[in-house]
């Protein structure tokens, strides 16, 4: 398999953490690409007209995207386990959606600050996105104390990927100060081999 890849993409990291946890990482070739909202990558666009990461090319040549689809495919290929059955499934998928929402807001903040000319930046835009991210973090902070020890599913993988991205791009948010329970959980989860093998690098 081939995975279009960026070392700073938290969505790619989510897929790679899942692949490591499922024992599939050695079956995936990483294909580094550079893509921006203002500049398309021709190679990636041939396989994904949305020109977004991650995009996975399966062994039979099928292109899969976005990260949720890729992770579900890897979960099936690896024999399951990251998307539980029954009521736990919906909890894991909602947590994945909430964590991905943190990333959506963070990336919009990042693009506003880095790509948009200073004279055209809109402070209210960042404030609104930051409020979304902080609200989602507060929801996780409320929930983390009730999680089973050693919880491992697509929800917490997505969350860990989001927290790692905040550490990389938004240290000024000080999410740990606002979420001590979540910080303690992440300190443990971040030591998993799958996380150590996929650290985001600017």
N, C-alpha and C. Protein backbone atom coordinates (compact mmCIF):
# COMPACT_ATOMS: atom_id res chain seq x y z
N UNK A 1 0.84 -1.18 0.00
CA UNK A 1 0.00 0.00 0.00
C UNK A 1 0.88 1.25 0.00
N UNK A 2 0.33 2.34 -0.50
CA UNK A 2 1.04 3.62 -0.51
C UNK A 2 0.18 4.66 0.19
N UNK A 3 0.82 5.42 1.08
CA UNK A 3 0.11 6.48 1.79
C UNK A 3 0.76 7.81 1.47
N UNK A 4 -0.01 8.68 0.82
CA UNK A 4 0.47 10.04 0.63
C UNK A 4 0.62 10.69 2.00
N UNK A 5 1.76 11.35 2.20
CA UNK A 5 2.22 11.60 3.56
C UNK A 5 2.81 12.99 3.72
N UNK A 6 2.57 13.60 4.88
CA UNK A 6 3.29 14.79 5.31
C UNK A 6 3.66 14.59 6.77
N UNK A 7 4.87 14.98 7.14
CA UNK A 7 5.35 14.77 8.51
C UNK A 7 4.65 15.67 9.52
N UNK A 8 3.88 16.66 9.03
CA UNK A 8 3.17 17.57 9.94
C UNK A 8 1.67 17.34 9.96
N UNK A 9 1.18 16.37 9.20
CA UNK A 9 -0.26 16.15 9.12
C UNK A 9 -0.77 15.28 10.26
N UNK A 10 -1.61 15.82 11.13
CA UNK A 10 -2.16 15.00 12.21
C UNK A 10 -3.15 13.95 11.71
N UNK A 11 -3.78 14.20 10.59
CA UNK A 11 -4.69 13.20 10.03
C UNK A 11 -3.91 12.01 9.50
N UNK A 12 -2.77 12.27 8.87
CA UNK A 12 -1.89 11.18 8.45
C UNK A 12 -1.40 10.43 9.67
N UNK A 13 -1.03 11.17 10.71
CA UNK A 13 -0.53 10.50 11.91
C UNK A 13 -1.58 9.56 12.49
N UNK A 14 -2.82 9.98 12.51
CA UNK A 14 -3.88 9.12 13.03
C UNK A 14 -3.89 7.78 12.29
N UNK A 15 -3.77 7.83 10.97
CA UNK A 15 -3.76 6.60 10.18
C UNK A 15 -2.53 5.76 10.48
N UNK A 16 -1.39 6.41 10.64
CA UNK A 16 -0.17 5.66 10.91
C UNK A 16 -0.17 5.04 12.29
N UNK A 17 -0.69 5.75 13.29
CA UNK A 17 -0.82 5.15 14.61
C UNK A 17 -1.71 3.92 14.54
N UNK A 18 -2.84 4.05 13.83
CA UNK A 18 -3.73 2.90 13.66
C UNK A 18 -3.00 1.74 12.98
N UNK A 19 -2.23 2.04 11.95
CA UNK A 19 -1.50 0.99 11.23
C UNK A 19 -0.50 0.29 12.15
N UNK A 20 0.21 1.05 12.97
CA UNK A 20 1.15 0.45 13.91
C UNK A 20 0.42 -0.43 14.92
N UNK A 21 -0.67 0.04 15.44
CA UNK A 21 -1.41 -0.73 16.44
C UNK A 21 -1.98 -2.02 15.85
N UNK A 22 -2.27 -2.01 14.56
CA UNK A 22 -2.84 -3.17 13.89
C UNK A 22 -1.78 -4.08 13.26
N UNK A 23 -0.51 -3.71 13.39
CA UNK A 23 0.56 -4.52 12.82
C UNK A 23 0.69 -4.40 11.32
N UNK A 24 0.27 -3.27 10.77
CA UNK A 24 0.27 -3.09 9.32
C UNK A 24 1.29 -2.08 8.82
N UNK A 25 2.01 -1.45 9.72
CA UNK A 25 2.88 -0.34 9.32
C UNK A 25 3.92 -0.74 8.29
N UNK A 26 4.44 -1.95 8.39
CA UNK A 26 5.48 -2.37 7.46
C UNK A 26 4.94 -2.69 6.06
N UNK A 27 3.61 -2.66 5.90
CA UNK A 27 3.01 -2.88 4.59
C UNK A 27 2.70 -1.58 3.86
N UNK A 28 3.03 -0.45 4.48
CA UNK A 28 2.67 0.85 3.93
C UNK A 28 3.93 1.61 3.51
N UNK A 29 3.97 1.98 2.24
CA UNK A 29 5.04 2.85 1.72
C UNK A 29 4.58 4.30 1.87
N UNK A 30 5.44 5.13 2.47
CA UNK A 30 5.11 6.54 2.63
C UNK A 30 5.56 7.32 1.40
N UNK A 31 4.64 8.12 0.85
CA UNK A 31 4.94 8.93 -0.32
C UNK A 31 4.80 10.40 0.07
N UNK A 32 5.92 11.06 0.43
CA UNK A 32 5.84 12.45 0.89
C UNK A 32 5.36 13.38 -0.22
N UNK A 33 4.44 14.25 0.13
CA UNK A 33 3.96 15.28 -0.80
C UNK A 33 3.78 16.58 -0.02
N UNK A 34 3.83 17.68 -0.76
CA UNK A 34 3.53 18.99 -0.19
C UNK A 34 2.24 19.48 -0.81
N UNK A 35 1.28 19.82 0.03
CA UNK A 35 0.02 20.34 -0.48
C UNK A 35 -0.45 21.46 0.43
N UNK A 36 -1.00 22.50 -0.18
CA UNK A 36 -1.48 23.67 0.54
C UNK A 36 -2.87 24.04 0.01
N UNK A 37 -3.67 24.72 0.82
CA UNK A 37 -4.98 25.16 0.33
C UNK A 37 -4.88 26.07 -0.89
N UNK A 38 -3.73 26.71 -1.07
CA UNK A 38 -3.54 27.65 -2.18
C UNK A 38 -2.71 27.07 -3.32
N UNK A 39 -2.30 25.80 -3.22
CA UNK A 39 -1.47 25.20 -4.27
C UNK A 39 -1.70 23.70 -4.29
N UNK A 40 -2.18 23.18 -5.42
CA UNK A 40 -2.45 21.76 -5.54
C UNK A 40 -1.19 20.98 -5.89
N UNK A 41 -1.15 19.73 -5.44
CA UNK A 41 -0.07 18.83 -5.79
C UNK A 41 -0.56 17.93 -6.92
N UNK A 42 0.02 18.02 -8.11
CA UNK A 42 -0.51 17.27 -9.27
C UNK A 42 -0.55 15.76 -9.05
N UNK A 43 0.50 15.20 -8.42
CA UNK A 43 0.53 13.75 -8.21
C UNK A 43 -0.61 13.31 -7.31
N UNK A 44 -0.79 14.00 -6.20
CA UNK A 44 -1.86 13.65 -5.28
C UNK A 44 -3.22 13.86 -5.91
N UNK A 45 -3.36 14.92 -6.69
CA UNK A 45 -4.65 15.24 -7.29
C UNK A 45 -5.10 14.19 -8.29
N UNK A 46 -4.14 13.49 -8.90
CA UNK A 46 -4.50 12.41 -9.82
C UNK A 46 -5.24 11.29 -9.10
N UNK A 47 -4.87 11.04 -7.85
CA UNK A 47 -5.51 9.96 -7.10
C UNK A 47 -6.66 10.45 -6.22
N UNK A 48 -6.62 11.71 -5.83
CA UNK A 48 -7.68 12.27 -4.99
C UNK A 48 -7.99 13.66 -5.50
N UNK A 49 -9.12 13.85 -6.18
CA UNK A 49 -9.43 15.15 -6.77
C UNK A 49 -9.58 16.26 -5.73
N UNK A 50 -9.77 15.88 -4.45
CA UNK A 50 -9.82 16.88 -3.39
C UNK A 50 -8.42 17.34 -2.99
N UNK A 51 -7.39 16.60 -3.41
CA UNK A 51 -5.98 16.94 -3.15
C UNK A 51 -5.73 17.12 -1.66
N UNK A 52 -6.19 16.15 -0.87
CA UNK A 52 -6.06 16.24 0.58
C UNK A 52 -5.38 15.00 1.14
N UNK A 53 -4.71 15.20 2.26
CA UNK A 53 -4.09 14.11 3.00
C UNK A 53 -4.98 13.74 4.18
N UNK A 54 -4.96 12.43 4.52
CA UNK A 54 -4.25 11.33 3.88
C UNK A 54 -5.03 10.75 2.72
N UNK A 55 -4.31 10.17 1.78
CA UNK A 55 -4.89 9.36 0.72
C UNK A 55 -4.10 8.06 0.69
N UNK A 56 -4.80 6.94 0.79
CA UNK A 56 -4.18 5.62 0.78
C UNK A 56 -4.47 4.92 -0.53
N UNK A 57 -3.44 4.40 -1.18
CA UNK A 57 -3.60 3.57 -2.38
C UNK A 57 -3.46 2.13 -1.94
N UNK A 58 -4.50 1.35 -2.10
CA UNK A 58 -4.50 -0.03 -1.63
C UNK A 58 -3.68 -0.91 -2.58
N UNK A 59 -3.47 -2.15 -2.16
CA UNK A 59 -2.69 -3.08 -2.99
C UNK A 59 -3.30 -3.29 -4.36
N UNK A 60 -4.62 -3.15 -4.46
CA UNK A 60 -5.26 -3.34 -5.77
C UNK A 60 -5.47 -2.02 -6.51
N UNK A 61 -4.85 -0.93 -6.02
CA UNK A 61 -4.86 0.32 -6.75
C UNK A 61 -6.01 1.25 -6.45
N UNK A 62 -6.84 0.92 -5.48
CA UNK A 62 -7.96 1.78 -5.12
C UNK A 62 -7.48 2.92 -4.23
N UNK A 63 -7.97 4.13 -4.49
CA UNK A 63 -7.63 5.29 -3.66
C UNK A 63 -8.70 5.48 -2.59
N UNK A 64 -8.25 5.55 -1.33
CA UNK A 64 -9.17 5.74 -0.20
C UNK A 64 -8.85 7.05 0.51
N UNK A 65 -9.87 7.77 0.88
CA UNK A 65 -9.74 9.02 1.62
C UNK A 65 -11.11 9.32 2.22
N UNK A 66 -11.21 9.99 3.35
CA UNK A 66 -10.24 10.72 4.14
C UNK A 66 -9.71 9.82 5.27
N UNK A 67 -9.23 10.43 6.38
CA UNK A 67 -8.61 9.64 7.43
C UNK A 67 -9.57 8.64 8.06
N UNK A 68 -10.84 8.99 8.16
CA UNK A 68 -11.80 8.06 8.79
C UNK A 68 -11.99 6.82 7.92
N UNK A 69 -12.06 7.03 6.61
CA UNK A 69 -12.21 5.90 5.69
C UNK A 69 -10.94 5.05 5.71
N UNK A 70 -9.78 5.70 5.68
CA UNK A 70 -8.51 4.97 5.70
C UNK A 70 -8.39 4.14 6.96
N UNK A 71 -8.73 4.74 8.12
CA UNK A 71 -8.62 4.00 9.38
C UNK A 71 -9.60 2.83 9.43
N UNK A 72 -10.78 3.01 8.90
CA UNK A 72 -11.73 1.90 8.90
C UNK A 72 -11.25 0.77 7.99
N UNK A 73 -10.66 1.13 6.85
CA UNK A 73 -10.10 0.11 5.96
C UNK A 73 -8.97 -0.65 6.66
N UNK A 74 -8.06 0.09 7.30
CA UNK A 74 -6.96 -0.57 8.00
C UNK A 74 -7.47 -1.44 9.13
N UNK A 75 -8.49 -0.98 9.82
CA UNK A 75 -9.07 -1.77 10.91
C UNK A 75 -9.61 -3.10 10.38
N UNK A 76 -10.31 -3.07 9.27
CA UNK A 76 -10.82 -4.31 8.67
C UNK A 76 -9.66 -5.20 8.21
N UNK A 77 -8.67 -4.58 7.57
CA UNK A 77 -7.54 -5.34 7.05
C UNK A 77 -6.75 -5.99 8.17
N UNK A 78 -6.67 -5.30 9.29
CA UNK A 78 -5.88 -5.81 10.41
C UNK A 78 -6.64 -6.66 11.38
N UNK A 79 -7.86 -7.03 11.05
CA UNK A 79 -8.63 -7.93 11.90
C UNK A 79 -9.47 -7.25 12.96
N UNK A 80 -9.61 -5.92 12.85
CA UNK A 80 -10.49 -5.20 13.78
C UNK A 80 -9.83 -4.92 15.11
N UNK A 81 -10.61 -4.31 15.97
CA UNK A 81 -10.12 -4.01 17.31
C UNK A 81 -10.12 -2.53 17.63
N UNK A 82 -9.92 -1.69 16.63
CA UNK A 82 -9.89 -0.26 16.89
C UNK A 82 -11.26 0.39 16.78
N UNK A 83 -12.19 -0.29 16.16
CA UNK A 83 -13.58 0.17 16.11
C UNK A 83 -14.42 -0.90 16.79
N UNK A 84 -14.74 -0.70 18.05
CA UNK A 84 -15.43 -1.75 18.81
C UNK A 84 -16.85 -1.99 18.34
N UNK A 85 -17.45 -3.02 18.86
CA UNK A 85 -18.84 -3.35 18.52
C UNK A 85 -19.79 -2.79 19.59
N UNK A 86 -21.05 -2.81 19.24
CA UNK A 86 -22.08 -2.43 20.21
C UNK A 86 -22.04 -0.95 20.56
N UNK A 87 -22.46 -0.65 21.79
CA UNK A 87 -22.53 0.74 22.24
C UNK A 87 -21.16 1.41 22.24
N UNK A 88 -20.11 0.64 22.51
CA UNK A 88 -18.76 1.21 22.53
C UNK A 88 -18.36 1.76 21.16
N UNK A 89 -18.93 1.19 20.10
CA UNK A 89 -18.63 1.68 18.75
C UNK A 89 -19.01 3.13 18.61
N UNK A 90 -20.22 3.47 19.06
CA UNK A 90 -20.70 4.84 18.86
C UNK A 90 -19.92 5.82 19.71
N UNK A 91 -19.52 5.41 20.90
CA UNK A 91 -18.69 6.27 21.74
C UNK A 91 -17.35 6.55 21.07
N UNK A 92 -16.74 5.50 20.49
CA UNK A 92 -15.45 5.66 19.83
C UNK A 92 -15.56 6.55 18.60
N UNK A 93 -16.62 6.36 17.82
CA UNK A 93 -16.78 7.15 16.60
C UNK A 93 -17.10 8.61 16.90
N UNK A 94 -17.91 8.85 17.94
CA UNK A 94 -18.19 10.23 18.33
C UNK A 94 -16.92 10.90 18.84
N UNK A 95 -16.12 10.18 19.63
CA UNK A 95 -14.87 10.74 20.10
C UNK A 95 -13.93 11.04 18.93
N UNK A 96 -13.93 10.18 17.93
CA UNK A 96 -13.13 10.45 16.74
C UNK A 96 -13.60 11.73 16.06
N UNK A 97 -14.92 11.89 15.91
CA UNK A 97 -15.45 13.08 15.26
C UNK A 97 -15.11 14.34 16.06
N UNK A 98 -15.20 14.25 17.39
CA UNK A 98 -14.89 15.40 18.23
C UNK A 98 -13.41 15.76 18.13
N UNK A 99 -12.54 14.76 18.15
CA UNK A 99 -11.11 15.01 18.02
C UNK A 99 -10.78 15.57 16.64
N UNK A 100 -11.39 15.03 15.60
CA UNK A 100 -11.17 15.57 14.26
C UNK A 100 -11.66 17.01 14.17
N UNK A 101 -12.72 17.34 14.93
CA UNK A 101 -13.20 18.71 14.96
C UNK A 101 -12.19 19.66 15.58
N UNK A 102 -11.47 19.19 16.59
CA UNK A 102 -10.38 20.00 17.14
C UNK A 102 -9.35 20.29 16.05
N UNK A 103 -9.01 19.27 15.28
CA UNK A 103 -8.04 19.46 14.20
C UNK A 103 -8.57 20.38 13.12
N UNK A 104 -9.83 20.22 12.76
CA UNK A 104 -10.41 21.11 11.74
C UNK A 104 -10.28 22.57 12.17
N UNK A 105 -10.64 22.84 13.43
CA UNK A 105 -10.55 24.21 13.93
C UNK A 105 -9.10 24.68 13.99
N UNK A 106 -8.20 23.81 14.44
CA UNK A 106 -6.79 24.18 14.55
C UNK A 106 -6.18 24.49 13.18
N UNK A 107 -6.52 23.69 12.19
CA UNK A 107 -5.97 23.94 10.86
C UNK A 107 -6.50 25.24 10.27
N UNK A 108 -7.76 25.55 10.51
CA UNK A 108 -8.29 26.83 10.04
C UNK A 108 -7.58 28.00 10.72
N UNK A 109 -7.29 27.85 12.00
CA UNK A 109 -6.52 28.87 12.71
C UNK A 109 -5.12 29.00 12.11
N UNK A 110 -4.51 27.87 11.83
CA UNK A 110 -3.16 27.85 11.27
C UNK A 110 -3.12 28.53 9.89
N UNK A 111 -4.07 28.18 9.03
CA UNK A 111 -4.10 28.77 7.70
C UNK A 111 -4.34 30.28 7.78
N UNK A 112 -5.22 30.70 8.68
CA UNK A 112 -5.51 32.12 8.83
C UNK A 112 -4.25 32.89 9.22
N UNK A 113 -3.46 32.31 10.13
CA UNK A 113 -2.28 33.01 10.63
C UNK A 113 -1.10 32.95 9.67
N UNK A 114 -0.95 31.84 8.95
CA UNK A 114 0.26 31.62 8.17
C UNK A 114 0.08 31.95 6.69
N UNK A 115 -1.08 31.65 6.13
CA UNK A 115 -1.27 31.78 4.70
C UNK A 115 -1.97 33.07 4.29
N UNK A 116 -2.85 33.58 5.14
CA UNK A 116 -3.59 34.78 4.77
C UNK A 116 -2.75 36.03 5.06
N UNK A 117 -2.68 36.98 4.13
CA UNK A 117 -1.93 38.21 4.39
C UNK A 117 -2.42 38.91 5.66
N UNK A 118 -1.49 39.50 6.39
CA UNK A 118 -1.82 40.09 7.70
C UNK A 118 -2.96 41.08 7.61
N UNK A 119 -3.00 41.88 6.56
CA UNK A 119 -4.05 42.90 6.45
C UNK A 119 -5.43 42.31 6.17
N UNK A 120 -5.47 41.03 5.82
CA UNK A 120 -6.76 40.40 5.53
C UNK A 120 -7.17 39.38 6.60
N UNK A 121 -6.38 39.26 7.65
CA UNK A 121 -6.73 38.33 8.72
C UNK A 121 -7.88 38.88 9.54
N UNK A 122 -8.67 37.97 10.07
CA UNK A 122 -9.92 38.31 10.75
C UNK A 122 -9.84 37.75 12.17
N UNK A 123 -9.57 38.57 13.18
CA UNK A 123 -9.42 38.06 14.55
C UNK A 123 -10.62 37.23 15.03
N UNK A 124 -11.81 37.63 14.66
CA UNK A 124 -13.00 36.90 15.11
C UNK A 124 -13.02 35.47 14.56
N UNK A 125 -12.39 35.28 13.41
CA UNK A 125 -12.31 33.94 12.82
C UNK A 125 -11.50 33.02 13.73
N UNK A 126 -10.31 33.48 14.11
CA UNK A 126 -9.48 32.67 15.01
C UNK A 126 -10.18 32.45 16.34
N UNK A 127 -10.79 33.49 16.88
CA UNK A 127 -11.45 33.37 18.18
C UNK A 127 -12.55 32.32 18.15
N UNK A 128 -13.31 32.29 17.07
CA UNK A 128 -14.39 31.32 16.96
C UNK A 128 -13.85 29.90 16.84
N UNK A 129 -12.81 29.72 16.04
CA UNK A 129 -12.22 28.39 15.90
C UNK A 129 -11.58 27.93 17.21
N UNK A 130 -10.90 28.85 17.89
CA UNK A 130 -10.29 28.51 19.17
C UNK A 130 -11.35 28.12 20.20
N UNK A 131 -12.48 28.80 20.17
CA UNK A 131 -13.57 28.46 21.10
C UNK A 131 -14.07 27.05 20.85
N UNK A 132 -14.17 26.66 19.58
CA UNK A 132 -14.59 25.29 19.25
C UNK A 132 -13.59 24.28 19.80
N UNK A 133 -12.29 24.53 19.57
CA UNK A 133 -11.26 23.60 20.03
C UNK A 133 -11.28 23.49 21.55
N UNK A 134 -11.39 24.62 22.23
CA UNK A 134 -11.40 24.60 23.69
C UNK A 134 -12.66 23.91 24.23
N UNK A 135 -13.77 24.10 23.56
CA UNK A 135 -15.00 23.43 23.98
C UNK A 135 -14.89 21.92 23.86
N UNK A 136 -14.29 21.45 22.77
CA UNK A 136 -14.11 20.01 22.58
C UNK A 136 -13.12 19.46 23.61
N UNK A 137 -12.06 20.19 23.88
CA UNK A 137 -11.10 19.75 24.90
C UNK A 137 -11.76 19.66 26.26
N UNK A 138 -12.62 20.63 26.58
CA UNK A 138 -13.33 20.60 27.86
C UNK A 138 -14.24 19.38 27.95
N UNK A 139 -14.85 19.00 26.84
CA UNK A 139 -15.71 17.81 26.83
C UNK A 139 -14.88 16.55 27.11
N UNK A 140 -13.71 16.46 26.50
CA UNK A 140 -12.83 15.32 26.78
C UNK A 140 -12.35 15.34 28.23
N UNK A 141 -12.07 16.51 28.74
CA UNK A 141 -11.62 16.62 30.13
C UNK A 141 -12.68 16.08 31.09
N UNK A 142 -13.93 16.33 30.79
CA UNK A 142 -15.03 15.82 31.61
C UNK A 142 -15.13 14.30 31.54
N UNK A 143 -14.78 13.74 30.40
CA UNK A 143 -15.01 12.32 30.16
C UNK A 143 -13.84 11.43 30.54
N UNK A 144 -12.61 11.96 30.50
CA UNK A 144 -11.43 11.11 30.56
C UNK A 144 -11.35 10.30 31.85
N UNK A 145 -11.84 10.83 32.94
CA UNK A 145 -11.76 10.11 34.20
C UNK A 145 -12.59 8.84 34.23
N UNK A 146 -13.56 8.72 33.33
CA UNK A 146 -14.40 7.53 33.28
C UNK A 146 -13.96 6.49 32.27
N UNK A 147 -12.85 6.75 31.58
CA UNK A 147 -12.39 5.79 30.57
C UNK A 147 -11.72 4.60 31.24
N UNK A 148 -11.90 3.41 30.66
CA UNK A 148 -11.20 2.23 31.21
C UNK A 148 -9.70 2.37 31.06
N UNK A 149 -8.97 1.82 31.99
CA UNK A 149 -7.51 1.83 31.92
C UNK A 149 -7.06 1.11 30.65
N UNK A 150 -6.17 1.73 29.92
CA UNK A 150 -5.65 1.10 28.70
C UNK A 150 -6.57 1.20 27.51
N UNK A 151 -7.56 2.08 27.57
CA UNK A 151 -8.48 2.21 26.43
C UNK A 151 -7.70 2.44 25.14
N UNK A 152 -8.04 1.67 24.11
CA UNK A 152 -7.40 1.80 22.81
C UNK A 152 -8.44 1.59 21.73
N UNK A 153 -8.82 2.66 21.08
CA UNK A 153 -9.74 2.58 19.96
C UNK A 153 -9.52 3.80 19.08
N UNK A 154 -10.29 3.91 18.01
CA UNK A 154 -10.07 4.98 17.04
C UNK A 154 -10.36 6.35 17.64
N UNK A 155 -11.22 6.40 18.66
CA UNK A 155 -11.51 7.68 19.30
C UNK A 155 -10.32 8.26 20.01
N UNK A 156 -9.63 7.44 20.81
CA UNK A 156 -8.48 7.97 21.55
C UNK A 156 -7.26 8.13 20.64
N UNK A 157 -7.17 7.35 19.59
CA UNK A 157 -6.08 7.56 18.63
C UNK A 157 -6.25 8.92 17.95
N UNK A 158 -7.48 9.24 17.56
CA UNK A 158 -7.74 10.54 16.95
C UNK A 158 -7.45 11.66 17.94
N UNK A 159 -7.84 11.47 19.18
CA UNK A 159 -7.60 12.49 20.20
C UNK A 159 -6.11 12.70 20.42
N UNK A 160 -5.36 11.64 20.55
CA UNK A 160 -3.91 11.76 20.76
C UNK A 160 -3.25 12.47 19.58
N UNK A 161 -3.71 12.20 18.37
CA UNK A 161 -3.17 12.87 17.20
C UNK A 161 -3.47 14.36 17.24
N UNK A 162 -4.66 14.71 17.70
CA UNK A 162 -5.04 16.12 17.81
C UNK A 162 -4.20 16.83 18.87
N UNK A 163 -4.01 16.20 20.01
CA UNK A 163 -3.23 16.82 21.08
C UNK A 163 -1.77 17.01 20.66
N UNK A 164 -1.23 16.04 19.94
CA UNK A 164 0.12 16.17 19.44
C UNK A 164 0.25 17.35 18.47
N UNK A 165 -0.79 17.56 17.67
CA UNK A 165 -0.76 18.70 16.74
C UNK A 165 -0.83 20.03 17.48
N UNK A 166 -1.65 20.09 18.52
CA UNK A 166 -1.70 21.32 19.32
C UNK A 166 -0.35 21.61 19.94
N UNK A 167 0.34 20.57 20.40
CA UNK A 167 1.68 20.77 20.95
C UNK A 167 2.63 21.32 19.90
N UNK A 168 2.50 20.85 18.67
CA UNK A 168 3.40 21.27 17.59
C UNK A 168 3.13 22.70 17.16
N UNK A 169 1.87 23.05 16.95
CA UNK A 169 1.53 24.31 16.30
C UNK A 169 0.97 25.38 17.24
N UNK A 170 0.41 24.97 18.38
CA UNK A 170 -0.29 25.93 19.24
C UNK A 170 0.09 25.78 20.71
N UNK A 171 1.37 25.85 21.03
CA UNK A 171 1.74 25.76 22.44
C UNK A 171 1.13 26.88 23.27
N UNK A 172 0.80 28.01 22.62
CA UNK A 172 0.21 29.15 23.33
C UNK A 172 -1.19 28.85 23.85
N UNK A 173 -1.84 27.83 23.34
CA UNK A 173 -3.18 27.49 23.84
C UNK A 173 -3.14 26.94 25.26
N UNK A 174 -2.00 26.38 25.67
CA UNK A 174 -1.84 25.81 27.01
C UNK A 174 -3.01 24.90 27.37
N UNK A 175 -3.28 23.93 26.49
CA UNK A 175 -4.41 23.04 26.75
C UNK A 175 -4.20 22.20 28.00
N UNK A 176 -2.94 21.93 28.35
CA UNK A 176 -2.67 21.14 29.55
C UNK A 176 -3.11 21.88 30.82
N UNK A 177 -2.88 23.19 30.84
CA UNK A 177 -3.28 23.96 32.01
C UNK A 177 -4.78 23.94 32.24
N UNK A 178 -5.53 23.90 31.14
CA UNK A 178 -6.99 23.88 31.25
C UNK A 178 -7.54 22.47 31.45
N UNK A 179 -6.76 21.46 31.10
CA UNK A 179 -7.25 20.08 31.11
C UNK A 179 -6.25 19.16 31.79
N UNK A 180 -6.11 19.23 33.10
CA UNK A 180 -5.10 18.41 33.78
C UNK A 180 -5.34 16.92 33.68
N UNK A 181 -6.60 16.51 33.70
CA UNK A 181 -6.91 15.08 33.56
C UNK A 181 -6.54 14.57 32.19
N UNK A 182 -6.85 15.34 31.18
CA UNK A 182 -6.51 14.96 29.81
C UNK A 182 -4.99 14.97 29.62
N UNK A 183 -4.34 15.93 30.25
CA UNK A 183 -2.88 15.98 30.16
C UNK A 183 -2.24 14.74 30.75
N UNK A 184 -2.76 14.28 31.90
CA UNK A 184 -2.22 13.08 32.53
C UNK A 184 -2.46 11.86 31.66
N UNK A 185 -3.64 11.77 31.06
CA UNK A 185 -3.94 10.64 30.17
C UNK A 185 -2.98 10.65 28.97
N UNK A 186 -2.79 11.82 28.37
CA UNK A 186 -1.96 11.91 27.17
C UNK A 186 -0.51 11.58 27.49
N UNK A 187 -0.04 11.96 28.66
CA UNK A 187 1.34 11.66 29.03
C UNK A 187 1.60 10.16 28.99
N UNK A 188 0.61 9.36 29.37
CA UNK A 188 0.75 7.91 29.30
C UNK A 188 0.58 7.38 27.89
N UNK A 189 -0.49 7.82 27.21
CA UNK A 189 -0.78 7.30 25.88
C UNK A 189 0.33 7.65 24.90
N UNK A 190 0.93 8.82 25.08
CA UNK A 190 1.96 9.29 24.16
C UNK A 190 3.23 8.44 24.21
N UNK A 191 3.35 7.58 25.20
CA UNK A 191 4.51 6.70 25.29
C UNK A 191 4.32 5.39 24.54
N UNK A 192 3.15 5.18 23.98
CA UNK A 192 2.96 3.94 23.20
C UNK A 192 3.93 3.91 22.03
N UNK A 193 4.46 2.75 21.66
CA UNK A 193 5.37 2.67 20.51
C UNK A 193 4.78 3.26 19.24
N UNK A 194 3.48 3.11 19.04
CA UNK A 194 2.85 3.65 17.84
C UNK A 194 2.93 5.17 17.80
N UNK A 195 2.86 5.81 18.97
CA UNK A 195 2.97 7.26 19.04
C UNK A 195 4.41 7.72 18.88
N UNK A 196 5.32 7.00 19.50
CA UNK A 196 6.75 7.36 19.40
C UNK A 196 7.25 7.20 17.97
N UNK A 197 6.66 6.28 17.21
CA UNK A 197 7.11 6.05 15.84
C UNK A 197 6.53 7.05 14.85
N UNK A 198 5.60 7.89 15.30
CA UNK A 198 4.88 8.77 14.36
C UNK A 198 4.87 10.22 14.81
N UNK A 199 5.86 10.63 15.58
CA UNK A 199 5.88 12.00 16.12
C UNK A 199 5.85 13.01 14.97
N UNK A 200 5.00 14.03 15.11
CA UNK A 200 4.90 15.09 14.09
C UNK A 200 6.19 15.91 14.12
N UNK A 201 6.67 16.25 12.92
CA UNK A 201 7.91 17.02 12.78
C UNK A 201 7.70 18.18 11.82
N UNK A 202 7.99 19.38 12.31
CA UNK A 202 7.83 20.57 11.47
C UNK A 202 8.94 20.65 10.43
